[in-house]
Amino acid sequence: MLLQSSGSAKETVSMEGSNTRTFPRMLLDRPVELQIGGETIRVDNPTNNLSAGGLFLHGAGLPLGAAVRVRIQEPRLFEADGHICNSDLRESGVGIGFTSLSGWNREALNDLIEDLTLRGLPAA
């Protein structure tokens, strides 16, 4: 367990190699909508990935540090506030960390991860 500054415990998942992510990632084959300011961007790339703490989207030109609203429609509507926390030029994409999830959206995220797992999509 890793103790966060808020005093809550946060579980760290151990993975092989040099991967130090807190949550395992799943391949995400669903379209993702991002709202950045007044603009909506739809990302249809089938090789994005998702975890309980955020997602990685292939696409360039998104500003590092920008606040975003994430929306995934299926299997039920999932929405979360987040921010662009890293950019990977090698993979032409950005990492988005979730900053706010309501109880309803946490359940929707869990359902989405369960759906991806049951359909046999691989870890990313």
Protein backbone atom coordinates (compact mmCIF):
# COMPACT_ATOMS: atom_id res chain seq x y z
CA MET A 1 0.00 0.00 0.00
CA LEU A 2 1.09 3.54 -0.72
CA LEU A 3 -0.15 6.34 1.52
CA GLN A 4 -1.45 9.41 -0.30
CA SER A 5 -1.17 12.90 1.14
CA SER A 6 -4.90 12.89 1.86
CA GLY A 7 -4.28 10.05 4.30
CA SER A 8 -6.13 7.44 2.26
CA ALA A 9 -4.48 4.19 1.29
CA LYS A 10 -3.83 3.56 -2.39
CA GLU A 11 -3.02 0.09 -3.65
CA THR A 12 -0.12 -0.26 -6.06
CA VAL A 13 -0.29 -3.08 -8.61
CA SER A 14 3.02 -4.79 -9.24
CA MET A 15 3.77 -5.46 -12.90
CA GLU A 16 6.66 -7.08 -14.76
CA GLY A 17 9.46 -4.95 -16.18
CA SER A 18 9.84 -1.26 -15.53
CA ASN A 19 6.11 -0.49 -15.54
CA THR A 20 5.25 1.47 -12.40
CA ARG A 21 1.58 2.26 -13.10
CA THR A 22 -0.80 2.23 -10.18
CA PHE A 23 -3.60 0.48 -12.12
CA PRO A 24 -3.36 -2.11 -14.89
CA ARG A 25 -4.46 -0.90 -18.32
CA MET A 26 -6.87 -2.55 -20.75
CA LEU A 27 -7.08 -2.10 -24.49
CA LEU A 28 -9.98 0.28 -25.20
CA ASP A 29 -11.86 -0.28 -28.46
CA ARG A 30 -14.59 2.30 -27.87
CA PRO A 31 -14.79 5.84 -29.24
CA VAL A 32 -13.83 8.53 -26.72
CA GLU A 33 -15.01 12.14 -26.70
CA LEU A 34 -12.89 14.84 -25.10
CA GLN A 35 -14.14 18.30 -24.26
CA ILE A 36 -11.31 20.82 -24.04
CA GLY A 37 -12.62 24.32 -23.50
CA GLY A 38 -15.43 24.77 -26.01
CA GLU A 39 -14.11 22.15 -28.42
CA THR A 40 -15.20 18.49 -28.63
CA ILE A 41 -12.75 15.97 -30.08
CA ARG A 42 -13.78 12.43 -30.97
CA VAL A 43 -11.06 9.76 -30.90
CA ASP A 44 -11.99 6.52 -32.70
CA ASN A 45 -8.57 4.83 -32.62
CA PRO A 46 -9.08 1.20 -31.55
CA THR A 47 -5.68 0.96 -29.79
CA ASN A 48 -6.29 3.40 -26.95
CA ASN A 49 -6.15 2.05 -23.40
CA LEU A 50 -7.98 2.58 -20.14
CA SER A 51 -7.45 2.03 -16.42
CA ALA A 52 -9.27 2.94 -13.22
CA GLY A 53 -7.06 6.06 -12.98
CA GLY A 54 -7.07 7.37 -16.54
CA LEU A 55 -6.54 6.58 -20.19
CA PHE A 56 -4.07 6.87 -23.05
CA LEU A 57 -5.32 8.23 -26.36
CA HIS A 58 -3.48 8.17 -29.65
CA GLY A 59 -3.53 11.61 -31.19
CA ALA A 60 -1.25 14.60 -31.33
CA GLY A 61 -1.62 18.27 -30.62
CA LEU A 62 -3.39 18.13 -27.27
CA PRO A 63 -1.93 20.60 -24.78
CA LEU A 64 -0.07 19.19 -21.78
CA GLY A 65 -1.77 20.19 -18.51
CA ALA A 66 -5.10 21.05 -20.13
CA ALA A 67 -8.31 20.24 -18.25
CA VAL A 68 -10.57 17.83 -20.14
CA ARG A 69 -13.94 16.16 -19.81
CA VAL A 70 -13.86 12.52 -20.93
CA ARG A 71 -16.95 10.75 -22.27
CA ILE A 72 -17.34 7.11 -23.33
CA GLN A 73 -20.86 6.12 -24.41
CA GLU A 74 -20.82 2.32 -24.13
CA PRO A 75 -21.76 0.00 -22.46
CA ARG A 76 -23.32 2.83 -20.43
CA LEU A 77 -22.42 6.50 -20.30
CA PHE A 78 -19.17 7.22 -18.46
CA GLU A 79 -17.96 10.79 -17.85
CA ALA A 80 -15.03 12.10 -15.85
CA ASP A 81 -13.02 15.26 -15.41
CA GLY A 82 -9.32 14.91 -15.96
CA HIS A 83 -6.19 16.59 -17.20
CA ILE A 84 -3.57 15.79 -19.80
CA CYS A 85 -0.70 14.66 -17.60
CA ASN A 86 1.82 13.39 -20.15
CA SER A 87 2.60 13.29 -23.83
CA ASP A 88 4.37 10.43 -25.61
CA LEU A 89 5.85 11.45 -28.94
CA ARG A 90 6.99 7.86 -29.67
CA GLU A 91 3.39 6.64 -29.60
CA SER A 92 1.82 9.92 -30.78
CA GLY A 93 -0.52 10.17 -27.86
CA VAL A 94 -1.39 11.64 -24.48
CA GLY A 95 -2.06 10.29 -21.02
CA ILE A 96 -5.12 11.64 -19.24
CA GLY A 97 -5.49 11.24 -15.49
CA PHE A 98 -8.97 11.29 -13.98
CA THR A 99 -9.32 14.02 -11.37
CA SER A 100 -12.99 13.69 -10.47
CA LEU A 101 -15.40 10.75 -10.60
CA SER A 102 -18.88 10.66 -9.10
CA GLY A 103 -20.11 7.40 -7.57
CA TRP A 104 -22.31 6.82 -10.63
CA ASN A 105 -19.38 7.34 -13.01
CA ARG A 106 -17.09 5.10 -10.93
CA GLU A 107 -19.70 2.32 -11.35
CA ALA A 108 -19.91 3.04 -15.10
CA LEU A 109 -16.09 2.86 -15.34
CA ASN A 110 -16.06 -0.45 -13.47
CA ASP A 111 -18.76 -1.78 -15.84
CA LEU A 112 -16.71 -0.66 -18.85
CA ILE A 113 -13.55 -2.37 -17.56
CA GLU A 114 -15.58 -5.51 -16.80
CA ASP A 115 -17.04 -5.45 -20.34
CA LEU A 116 -13.56 -5.11 -21.90
CA THR A 117 -12.29 -7.97 -19.73
CA LEU A 118 -15.23 -10.28 -20.51
CA ARG A 119 -14.81 -9.66 -24.22
CA GLY A 120 -11.20 -10.85 -23.88
CA LEU A 121 -9.42 -7.62 -24.74
CA PRO A 122 -5.78 -7.79 -23.68
CA ALA A 123 -3.95 -5.77 -21.10
CA ALA A 124 -2.19 -2.79 -22.65
